[in-house]
Amino acid sequence: MLKVLIPTIMLFPTIWFISPKWLWTASTTHSLLIAIISLTWLKWTSEVGWSMTNTHLATDPLSTPLLVLTCWLLPLMILASQNHIKPEPINRQRLYISLLASLQTFLIMAFGATEIIMFYIMFEATLIPTLIIITRWGNQTERLNAGIYFLFYTLAGSLPLLVALLLLQQSTGTLSMLVVQYAQPLMLHSWGDKIWWAGCLIAFLVKMPLYGVHLWLPKAHVEAPVAGSMVLAAVLLKLGGYGMMRMMILLDPLSKELAYPFIILALWGIIMTGSICLRQTDLKSLIAYSSVSHMGLVAGGILIQTPWGFSGAIILMIAHGLVSSMLFCLANTAYERTHSRTMILARGLQMIFPLTAAWWFVANLANLALPPLPNLMGELMIITTLFNWSPVTIALTGMGTLITAGYSLYLFLMSQRGPTPNHIIKLPPFHTPEHLLMTLHFVPIILLVAKPELMWGWCY
């Protein structure tokens, strides 16, 4: 764990003491080296569940894929932000990259924490850099409103979790993930226990987000700069799924009955947010709502508590992290050239940028879960486990899959096909770094097709 955490902390002196000329080159190279070192986690040698350097930080096969995804995204975020941050004063550039590095540090400590309370503190700490990135570097004046939504939704969901964790500490005497699942089984019978159950999960359901508490997400995505959108879609939403997986183990006797309303809300959310996507005119808003739809499926898979549901959820989380991040990068490249996110004003771009249209096509196919990509694998596992739980769910999940295909096609046709508007003239061409960025998003997805057990090895 320290082999990645220490180089990540060493990124701060690199950012602040290097000469301005080499700032972007050095920070991208340094973060890429960290990402390459993190790949060593995928070689699993431990016979027991956890591999640790000390009692506070450890990796297990559930957190490892998410840790690698976190490390992989930092160089991509720096690469994607270069164009629109470079004109700013040098100290502001340094601060921006520092915020991204601090976000990675908090995320590594959140996914690697063995104490649930340390996970909670890091879960909350990720709010600060994300909030600064959205409210300082966002594009429009609504960014302050978006930041307030983001902060208050997350905090309002998280405070009951803190109280629930303190109660858990009082009853079991420990909050270590290594010990607490083997502690005395909790006798959960009273009404108070049912409220405690909800307190444990609501923070993560808001973060995922579950349909009904999702309003902060489209606002935050639309207003955030590209790196903010990328890290929000790819990793911060996954904190919710990861936290739910860790907590569900402790809540066992109550979950059978109490999970019903949340599963129904998640499945209904897949259809509702998919339908909202079909009505969107804003490029980033459409991609943000599609994230809510996919995470609804993940929430359903986790709440059912079967090995298939958990496996499908982790596979879909990793695949969705890479694909949605890629879509936000593509939306940003289009915005940098046309200065508009409205699809009607920036359509017919295939004629001008044919290679980029190919990237759009590939990203949309991955988003609608084309075989043999891991997106389909995760979705099929969750749909199967939901069907096994209740055959009625196939109507909702099947409808959701159809709507996903519909809005992905709509997104591609609206942005790439059709006549090019007359006002689109003198657009700067796409450069190698942008194609490299798309390649670095897509190659891991292709490689996971060849070796999917990297994501679901924990089940066995």
Protein backbone atom coordinates (compact mmCIF):
# COMPACT_ATOMS: atom_id res chain seq x y z
CA MET A 1 0.00 0.00 0.00
CA LEU A 2 2.78 2.44 0.93
CA LYS A 3 4.55 1.83 -2.39
CA VAL A 4 1.73 3.85 -4.00
CA LEU A 5 0.72 6.18 -1.17
CA ILE A 6 4.24 7.60 -0.58
CA PRO A 7 4.89 8.45 -4.31
CA THR A 8 1.42 10.07 -4.37
CA ILE A 9 2.35 12.29 -1.40
CA MET A 10 5.73 13.03 -3.07
CA LEU A 11 3.75 14.42 -6.02
CA PHE A 12 3.08 17.61 -3.99
CA PRO A 13 6.75 18.79 -3.82
CA THR A 14 7.09 17.87 -7.52
CA ILE A 15 4.15 20.13 -8.36
CA TRP A 16 5.22 23.12 -6.22
CA PHE A 17 9.01 23.15 -6.72
CA ILE A 18 9.46 22.24 -10.37
CA SER A 19 10.01 24.99 -12.96
CA PRO A 20 6.82 26.21 -14.72
CA LYS A 21 8.07 24.92 -18.08
CA TRP A 22 8.08 21.30 -16.88
CA LEU A 23 5.04 21.43 -14.58
CA TRP A 24 2.58 19.51 -16.77
CA THR A 25 5.14 17.09 -18.19
CA ALA A 26 6.57 16.19 -14.78
CA SER A 27 3.21 15.83 -13.00
CA THR A 28 1.77 13.67 -15.83
CA THR A 29 4.89 11.45 -15.87
CA HIS A 30 5.01 11.14 -12.09
CA SER A 31 1.31 10.22 -11.85
CA LEU A 32 1.65 7.74 -14.74
CA LEU A 33 4.52 6.03 -12.86
CA ILE A 34 2.26 5.77 -9.79
CA ALA A 35 -0.46 4.23 -11.99
CA ILE A 36 2.02 1.67 -13.39
CA ILE A 37 3.24 0.77 -9.86
CA SER A 38 -0.39 0.30 -8.76
CA LEU A 39 -0.83 -2.42 -11.42
CA THR A 40 1.37 -4.66 -9.25
CA TRP A 41 -1.60 -4.95 -6.85
CA LEU A 42 -3.42 -6.99 -9.47
CA LYS A 43 -0.91 -9.83 -9.04
CA TRP A 44 -2.57 -11.47 -6.06
CA THR A 45 -0.21 -13.64 -4.00
CA SER A 46 -1.97 -13.68 -0.63
CA GLU A 47 -3.78 -16.84 0.41
CA VAL A 48 -5.89 -15.03 3.00
CA GLY A 49 -8.35 -12.28 2.11
CA TRP A 50 -6.21 -9.24 3.03
CA SER A 51 -2.71 -8.15 2.05
CA MET A 52 -1.31 -5.49 4.37
CA THR A 53 1.78 -3.53 5.33
CA ASN A 54 0.27 -2.34 8.63
CA THR A 55 -3.00 -2.74 10.53
CA HIS A 56 -4.56 0.48 9.21
CA LEU A 57 -3.98 0.17 5.45
CA ALA A 58 -4.58 -3.02 3.49
CA THR A 59 -5.86 -4.28 0.16
CA ASP A 60 -8.20 -7.15 -0.53
CA PRO A 61 -9.63 -8.41 -3.84
CA LEU A 62 -12.68 -6.11 -3.47
CA SER A 63 -10.76 -2.85 -3.00
CA THR A 64 -7.85 -3.63 -5.36
CA PRO A 65 -9.66 -2.98 -8.69
CA LEU A 66 -11.03 0.33 -7.34
CA LEU A 67 -7.58 1.37 -6.07
CA VAL A 68 -6.01 0.65 -9.47
CA LEU A 69 -8.82 2.59 -11.20
CA THR A 70 -8.17 5.58 -8.88
CA CYS A 71 -4.44 5.60 -9.66
CA TRP A 72 -5.03 5.07 -13.39
CA LEU A 73 -7.27 8.13 -13.62
CA LEU A 74 -4.92 10.79 -12.20
CA PRO A 75 -2.60 11.03 -15.25
CA LEU A 76 -5.68 11.01 -17.51
CA MET A 77 -7.24 13.90 -15.55
CA ILE A 78 -4.04 15.94 -15.75
CA LEU A 79 -3.78 15.21 -19.49
CA ALA A 80 -7.42 16.21 -20.09
CA SER A 81 -7.16 19.47 -18.10
CA GLN A 82 -4.05 20.81 -19.79
CA ASN A 83 -5.72 22.88 -22.53
CA HIS A 84 -8.07 24.94 -20.39
CA ILE A 85 -5.87 25.38 -17.29
CA LYS A 86 -2.59 26.34 -19.05
CA PRO A 87 -3.60 29.99 -19.76
CA GLU A 88 -4.07 30.62 -16.00
CA PRO A 89 -1.36 31.99 -13.62
CA ILE A 90 1.26 29.38 -12.68
CA ASN A 91 0.31 29.18 -8.97
CA ARG A 92 -3.29 28.51 -9.92
CA GLN A 93 -2.15 25.68 -12.21
CA ARG A 94 -0.09 24.23 -9.36
CA LEU A 95 -3.07 24.47 -6.99
CA TYR A 96 -5.35 22.71 -9.50
CA ILE A 97 -2.97 19.74 -9.94
CA SER A 98 -2.41 19.65 -6.15
CA LEU A 99 -6.16 19.33 -5.58
CA LEU A 100 -6.29 16.39 -8.01
CA ALA A 101 -3.32 14.76 -6.22
CA SER A 102 -4.91 15.32 -2.79
CA LEU A 103 -8.11 13.74 -4.07
CA GLN A 104 -6.13 10.68 -5.14
CA THR A 105 -4.42 10.51 -1.71
CA PHE A 106 -7.78 10.59 0.11
CA LEU A 107 -9.27 7.98 -2.24
CA ILE A 108 -6.32 5.58 -1.78
CA MET A 109 -6.69 5.93 1.99
CA ALA A 110 -10.47 5.43 1.75
CA PHE A 111 -10.29 2.27 -0.37
CA GLY A 112 -7.30 0.96 1.60
CA ALA A 113 -8.65 1.66 5.10
CA THR A 114 -9.21 -1.30 7.40
CA GLU A 115 -10.96 0.80 10.08
CA ILE A 116 -14.52 1.77 9.10
CA ILE A 117 -14.15 5.14 10.88
CA MET A 118 -11.00 5.94 8.86
CA PHE A 119 -12.93 5.04 5.72
CA TYR A 120 -15.67 7.45 6.85
CA ILE A 121 -13.19 10.31 7.47
CA MET A 122 -11.58 9.84 4.03
CA PHE A 123 -15.02 9.47 2.43
CA GLU A 124 -15.85 12.95 3.82
CA ALA A 125 -12.39 14.39 3.06
CA THR A 126 -12.86 13.79 -0.69
CA LEU A 127 -15.63 16.43 -0.55
CA ILE A 128 -13.20 19.31 0.04
CA PRO A 129 -10.97 19.10 -3.10
CA THR A 130 -13.98 18.17 -5.27
CA LEU A 131 -15.95 21.15 -3.97
CA ILE A 132 -13.04 23.54 -4.63
CA ILE A 133 -12.55 22.14 -8.15
CA ILE A 134 -16.27 22.57 -8.99
CA THR A 135 -16.76 26.03 -7.44
CA ARG A 136 -13.44 27.55 -8.54
CA TRP A 137 -12.88 26.06 -12.00
CA GLY A 138 -16.45 25.44 -13.15
CA ASN A 139 -17.62 27.08 -16.37
CA GLN A 140 -20.76 28.98 -15.37
CA THR A 141 -22.16 31.02 -12.49
CA GLU A 142 -24.43 28.12 -11.42
CA ARG A 143 -21.30 26.34 -10.19
CA LEU A 144 -21.81 27.77 -6.66
CA ASN A 145 -25.35 26.42 -6.60
CA ALA A 146 -24.05 23.03 -7.83
CA GLY A 147 -21.35 23.04 -5.13
CA ILE A 148 -23.92 23.72 -2.39
CA TYR A 149 -26.17 20.91 -3.67
CA PHE A 150 -23.20 18.53 -3.77
CA LEU A 151 -22.03 19.46 -0.26
CA PHE A 152 -25.39 19.39 1.50
CA TYR A 153 -26.77 16.24 -0.11
CA THR A 154 -23.59 14.35 0.79
CA LEU A 155 -23.30 15.77 4.31
CA ALA A 156 -26.98 15.27 5.13
CA GLY A 157 -26.64 11.61 4.07
CA SER A 158 -23.35 11.11 5.92
CA LEU A 159 -24.18 12.42 9.41
CA PRO A 160 -26.57 9.52 10.24
CA LEU A 161 -23.74 7.16 9.17
CA LEU A 162 -21.40 8.68 11.76
CA VAL A 163 -23.96 8.15 14.53
CA ALA A 164 -24.59 4.58 13.26
CA LEU A 165 -20.84 3.83 13.32
CA LEU A 166 -20.48 5.14 16.89
CA LEU A 167 -23.37 2.87 17.95
CA LEU A 168 -21.70 -0.06 16.19
CA GLN A 169 -18.45 0.68 18.03
CA GLN A 170 -20.36 0.73 21.31
CA SER A 171 -22.05 -2.65 20.70
CA THR A 172 -19.16 -4.61 19.14
CA GLY A 173 -16.15 -2.85 20.68
CA THR A 174 -14.33 -2.57 17.34
CA LEU A 175 -14.70 -0.94 13.93
CA SER A 176 -11.95 -2.88 12.16
CA MET A 177 -13.15 -4.53 8.95
CA LEU A 178 -10.80 -7.43 9.71
CA VAL A 179 -12.52 -8.21 13.02
CA VAL A 180 -16.03 -6.77 12.99
CA GLN A 181 -17.51 -9.33 10.59
CA TYR A 182 -16.38 -12.13 12.91
CA ALA A 183 -17.59 -10.36 16.07
CA GLN A 184 -20.71 -11.37 18.00
CA PRO A 185 -23.70 -11.37 15.58
CA LEU A 186 -25.84 -8.30 16.17
CA MET A 187 -29.33 -8.92 17.58
CA LEU A 188 -31.35 -6.54 15.41
CA HIS A 189 -35.04 -6.64 16.32
CA SER A 190 -36.29 -3.26 17.56
CA TRP A 191 -37.48 -0.23 15.57
CA GLY A 192 -34.33 1.60 16.59
CA ASP A 193 -32.27 -1.10 14.85
CA LYS A 194 -34.22 -0.52 11.63
CA ILE A 195 -33.37 3.21 11.77
CA TRP A 196 -29.73 2.24 12.47
CA TRP A 197 -29.82 0.01 9.35
CA ALA A 198 -31.06 2.94 7.24
CA GLY A 199 -28.43 5.24 8.78
CA CYS A 200 -25.67 2.83 7.74
CA LEU A 201 -26.76 2.78 4.09
CA ILE A 202 -28.30 6.16 3.25
CA ALA A 203 -24.91 7.96 3.02
CA PHE A 204 -23.77 5.47 0.37
CA LEU A 205 -27.08 5.53 -1.50
CA VAL A 206 -26.86 9.33 -1.75
CA LYS A 207 -23.27 9.04 -2.99
CA MET A 208 -24.03 6.40 -5.64
CA PRO A 209 -26.62 8.11 -6.21
CA LEU A 210 -29.95 6.30 -5.86
CA TYR A 211 -32.85 7.72 -7.89
CA GLY A 212 -34.65 10.22 -5.64
CA VAL A 213 -31.48 11.57 -4.01
CA HIS A 214 -29.65 12.06 -7.30
CA LEU A 215 -30.34 15.75 -7.99
CA TRP A 216 -26.88 16.90 -6.91
CA LEU A 217 -25.15 14.72 -9.53
CA PRO A 218 -26.30 16.28 -12.85
CA LYS A 219 -25.74 19.76 -11.41
CA ALA A 220 -22.22 18.92 -10.18
CA HIS A 221 -21.30 17.19 -13.47
CA VAL A 222 -22.55 19.95 -15.73
CA GLU A 223 -20.77 22.71 -13.78
CA ALA A 224 -17.50 20.89 -13.03
CA PRO A 225 -14.42 21.21 -15.25
CA VAL A 226 -13.40 18.06 -17.14
CA ALA A 227 -11.20 16.61 -14.36
CA GLY A 228 -13.99 17.15 -11.82
CA SER A 229 -16.49 15.31 -14.04
CA MET A 230 -14.03 12.49 -14.70
CA VAL A 231 -13.17 11.79 -11.07
CA LEU A 232 -16.79 12.24 -9.97
CA ALA A 233 -18.15 9.73 -12.49
CA ALA A 234 -15.26 7.28 -12.39
CA VAL A 235 -14.31 7.02 -8.72
CA LEU A 236 -16.38 9.12 -6.29
CA LEU A 237 -19.65 7.36 -7.20
CA LYS A 238 -17.86 4.03 -6.65
CA LEU A 239 -17.09 5.05 -3.04
CA GLY A 240 -20.84 4.65 -2.42
CA GLY A 241 -20.93 1.14 -3.93
CA TYR A 242 -17.76 0.09 -2.09
CA GLY A 243 -19.09 1.39 1.25
CA MET A 244 -22.38 -0.45 0.73
CA MET A 245 -20.55 -3.71 0.02
CA ARG A 246 -18.52 -3.34 3.22
CA MET A 247 -21.53 -2.46 5.39
CA MET A 248 -24.00 -5.03 3.96
CA ILE A 249 -21.99 -7.85 5.57
CA LEU A 250 -22.84 -6.45 9.04
CA LEU A 251 -26.52 -5.76 8.40
CA ASP A 252 -27.52 -9.26 7.42
CA PRO A 253 -30.68 -10.24 9.31
CA LEU A 254 -32.45 -6.94 8.61
CA SER A 255 -31.51 -6.51 4.95
CA LYS A 256 -33.84 -9.22 3.70
CA GLU A 257 -36.99 -7.17 4.42
CA LEU A 258 -35.71 -3.61 4.56
CA ALA A 259 -33.91 -3.67 1.19
CA TYR A 260 -37.20 -4.01 -0.77
CA PRO A 261 -38.07 -0.30 -1.15
CA PHE A 262 -34.48 0.57 -2.11
CA ILE A 263 -34.27 -2.17 -4.76
CA ILE A 264 -37.61 -1.05 -6.24
CA LEU A 265 -36.42 2.60 -6.24
CA ALA A 266 -33.13 1.59 -7.91
CA LEU A 267 -34.94 -0.37 -10.66
CA TRP A 268 -37.51 2.36 -11.23
CA GLY A 269 -34.63 4.86 -11.33
CA ILE A 270 -33.01 2.94 -14.22
CA ILE A 271 -36.11 3.53 -16.36
CA MET A 272 -36.76 7.09 -15.18
CA THR A 273 -33.22 8.43 -15.60
CA GLY A 274 -32.93 6.61 -18.95
CA SER A 275 -36.12 8.36 -20.08
CA ILE A 276 -34.75 11.71 -18.84
CA CYS A 277 -31.63 11.07 -21.01
CA LEU A 278 -33.86 10.83 -24.10
CA ARG A 279 -35.09 14.39 -23.45
CA GLN A 280 -31.70 16.04 -22.75
CA THR A 281 -30.28 18.81 -24.92
CA ASP A 282 -27.08 19.26 -22.89
CA LEU A 283 -24.25 16.83 -23.68
CA LYS A 284 -22.78 16.61 -20.15
CA SER A 285 -26.21 16.40 -18.53
CA LEU A 286 -27.10 13.38 -20.69
CA ILE A 287 -23.90 11.56 -19.70
CA ALA A 288 -24.51 12.44 -16.01
CA TYR A 289 -28.05 11.01 -16.04
CA SER A 290 -26.78 7.87 -17.78
CA SER A 291 -24.41 7.45 -14.79
CA VAL A 292 -27.39 7.53 -12.40
CA SER A 293 -29.09 4.85 -14.52
CA HIS A 294 -26.05 2.52 -14.43
CA MET A 295 -25.47 3.04 -10.72
CA GLY A 296 -29.13 2.10 -10.08
CA LEU A 297 -28.33 -1.33 -11.50
CA VAL A 298 -25.24 -1.53 -9.26
CA ALA A 299 -27.30 -0.60 -6.18
CA GLY A 300 -29.84 -3.34 -7.03
CA GLY A 301 -27.05 -5.91 -7.42
CA ILE A 302 -25.48 -5.02 -4.06
CA LEU A 303 -28.74 -4.88 -2.07
CA ILE A 304 -29.72 -8.42 -3.08
CA GLN A 305 -26.56 -9.76 -1.40
CA THR A 306 -25.69 -12.72 -3.58
CA PRO A 307 -22.18 -13.50 -4.90
CA TRP A 308 -23.45 -12.94 -8.46
CA GLY A 309 -24.94 -9.58 -7.50
CA PHE A 310 -21.73 -8.44 -5.81
CA SER A 311 -19.55 -9.65 -8.71
CA GLY A 312 -21.75 -7.97 -11.30
CA ALA A 313 -21.74 -4.76 -9.26
CA ILE A 314 -17.94 -4.54 -9.02
CA ILE A 315 -17.48 -5.38 -12.73
CA LEU A 316 -20.06 -2.78 -13.78
CA MET A 317 -18.51 -0.18 -11.45
CA ILE A 318 -15.04 -0.59 -12.97
CA ALA A 319 -16.32 -0.70 -16.57
CA HIS A 320 -18.66 2.26 -16.04
CA GLY A 321 -15.83 4.23 -14.40
CA LEU A 322 -13.68 3.97 -17.52
CA VAL A 323 -16.50 4.46 -20.06
CA SER A 324 -18.21 7.45 -18.41
CA SER A 325 -14.83 9.13 -17.88
CA MET A 326 -14.09 8.62 -21.59
CA LEU A 327 -17.46 10.13 -22.55
CA PHE A 328 -16.82 13.19 -20.38
CA CYS A 329 -13.40 13.62 -22.03
CA LEU A 330 -15.02 13.48 -25.47
CA ALA A 331 -17.71 15.97 -24.41
CA ASN A 332 -14.96 18.28 -23.17
CA THR A 333 -12.97 18.09 -26.43
CA ALA A 334 -16.14 19.02 -28.34
CA TYR A 335 -16.84 21.87 -25.90
CA GLU A 336 -13.27 23.25 -26.21
CA ARG A 337 -13.75 23.58 -29.96
CA THR A 338 -17.39 24.62 -30.40
CA HIS A 339 -17.81 26.39 -26.98
CA SER A 340 -21.25 24.87 -26.65
CA ARG A 341 -22.61 21.80 -24.86
CA THR A 342 -26.00 22.08 -26.56
CA MET A 343 -26.21 19.15 -28.98
CA ILE A 344 -28.31 21.07 -31.52
CA LEU A 345 -25.57 23.72 -31.87
CA ALA A 346 -22.63 21.29 -32.04
CA ARG A 347 -23.83 18.53 -34.35
CA GLY A 348 -22.53 16.97 -37.55
CA LEU A 349 -18.96 16.86 -36.24
CA GLN A 350 -18.19 13.58 -38.04
CA MET A 351 -17.53 15.49 -41.26
CA ILE A 352 -14.86 17.62 -39.55
CA PHE A 353 -13.36 15.12 -37.08
CA PRO A 354 -13.83 11.59 -38.50
CA LEU A 355 -11.38 9.88 -36.11
CA THR A 356 -13.04 11.50 -33.10
CA ALA A 357 -16.40 10.28 -34.41
CA ALA A 358 -14.90 6.76 -34.24
CA TRP A 359 -14.02 7.36 -30.56
CA TRP A 360 -17.56 8.61 -29.91
CA PHE A 361 -18.96 5.50 -31.59
CA VAL A 362 -16.77 3.15 -29.55
CA ALA A 363 -17.57 4.96 -26.26
CA ASN A 364 -21.31 4.85 -26.96
CA LEU A 365 -21.20 1.15 -27.79
CA ALA A 366 -19.35 0.51 -24.54
CA ASN A 367 -21.95 2.61 -22.68
CA LEU A 368 -24.86 0.57 -24.07
CA ALA A 369 -23.06 -2.67 -23.03
CA LEU A 370 -21.92 -4.21 -26.31
CA PRO A 371 -20.67 -7.79 -26.04
CA PRO A 372 -17.97 -8.83 -25.11
CA LEU A 373 -17.17 -5.72 -23.05
CA PRO A 374 -17.19 -5.94 -19.22
CA ASN A 375 -20.19 -3.53 -19.12
CA LEU A 376 -22.36 -6.31 -20.59
CA MET A 377 -20.83 -8.90 -18.27
CA GLY A 378 -21.67 -6.82 -15.18
CA GLU A 379 -25.17 -5.95 -16.39
CA LEU A 380 -25.99 -9.57 -17.29
CA MET A 381 -24.84 -10.86 -13.90
CA ILE A 382 -26.96 -8.25 -12.07
CA ILE A 383 -30.00 -8.80 -14.32
CA THR A 384 -29.71 -12.59 -13.80
CA THR A 385 -29.44 -12.30 -10.02
CA LEU A 386 -32.38 -9.87 -9.95
CA PHE A 387 -34.42 -12.29 -12.08
CA ASN A 388 -33.56 -15.11 -9.68
CA TRP A 389 -34.73 -12.92 -6.77
CA SER A 390 -38.00 -11.95 -8.50
CA PRO A 391 -38.92 -12.74 -12.15
CA VAL A 392 -40.95 -9.49 -12.35
CA THR A 393 -37.72 -7.44 -12.35
CA ILE A 394 -36.88 -8.62 -15.89
CA ALA A 395 -39.54 -6.22 -17.21
CA LEU A 396 -37.84 -3.25 -15.51
CA THR A 397 -34.23 -4.22 -16.26
CA GLY A 398 -35.09 -5.22 -19.87
CA MET A 399 -36.85 -1.89 -20.41
CA GLY A 400 -33.86 -0.11 -18.88
CA THR A 401 -31.46 -1.87 -21.27
CA LEU A 402 -33.59 -0.86 -24.27
CA ILE A 403 -33.75 2.76 -23.14
CA THR A 404 -29.95 2.75 -22.60
CA ALA A 405 -29.47 1.63 -26.22
CA GLY A 406 -31.94 4.34 -27.29
CA TYR A 407 -30.23 7.28 -25.58
CA SER A 408 -26.73 6.08 -26.56
CA LEU A 409 -27.85 6.07 -30.21
CA TYR A 410 -29.51 9.48 -29.71
CA LEU A 411 -26.27 10.88 -28.22
CA PHE A 412 -24.17 9.62 -31.13
CA LEU A 413 -26.59 10.71 -33.88
CA MET A 414 -27.17 14.17 -32.40
CA SER A 415 -23.50 14.99 -31.81
CA GLN A 416 -21.85 13.35 -34.83
CA ARG A 417 -24.32 12.82 -37.66
CA GLY A 418 -26.50 15.19 -39.66
CA PRO A 419 -25.63 18.48 -41.39
CA THR A 420 -22.86 20.60 -39.88
CA PRO A 421 -24.28 24.00 -38.78
CA ASN A 422 -23.06 27.06 -40.70
CA HIS A 423 -21.64 28.76 -37.61
CA ILE A 424 -19.06 25.97 -37.08
CA ILE A 425 -15.98 27.28 -38.85
CA LYS A 426 -12.22 27.32 -38.20
CA LEU A 427 -12.25 24.58 -35.54
CA PRO A 428 -8.76 23.62 -34.26
CA PRO A 429 -7.90 20.00 -35.11
CA PHE A 430 -7.59 17.15 -32.61
CA HIS A 431 -4.07 16.50 -31.37
CA THR A 432 -2.14 13.40 -30.31
CA PRO A 433 -2.63 13.91 -26.52
CA GLU A 434 -6.40 13.76 -26.99
CA HIS A 435 -6.23 10.51 -28.96
CA LEU A 436 -3.77 9.16 -26.36
CA LEU A 437 -6.28 10.07 -23.65
CA MET A 438 -9.05 8.07 -25.37
CA THR A 439 -6.69 5.14 -25.95
CA LEU A 440 -5.70 5.05 -22.26
CA HIS A 441 -9.40 4.88 -21.35
CA PHE A 442 -10.30 2.22 -23.85
CA VAL A 443 -7.31 -0.15 -23.70
CA PRO A 444 -8.04 -1.23 -20.06
CA ILE A 445 -11.65 -2.04 -21.06
CA ILE A 446 -10.39 -4.27 -23.90
CA LEU A 447 -7.80 -5.92 -21.62
CA LEU A 448 -10.48 -6.67 -18.99
CA VAL A 449 -12.36 -8.63 -21.67
CA ALA A 450 -9.36 -10.95 -21.84
CA LYS A 451 -8.90 -11.29 -18.06
CA PRO A 452 -12.12 -10.44 -16.18
CA GLU A 453 -11.12 -12.35 -13.04
CA LEU A 454 -8.99 -9.32 -12.05
CA MET A 455 -12.30 -7.68 -11.09
CA TRP A 456 -14.26 -10.56 -9.60
CA GLY A 457 -11.47 -12.75 -8.17
CA TRP A 458 -12.63 -11.94 -4.62
CA CYS A 459 -15.75 -14.10 -5.06
CA TYR A 460 -13.74 -17.27 -5.16
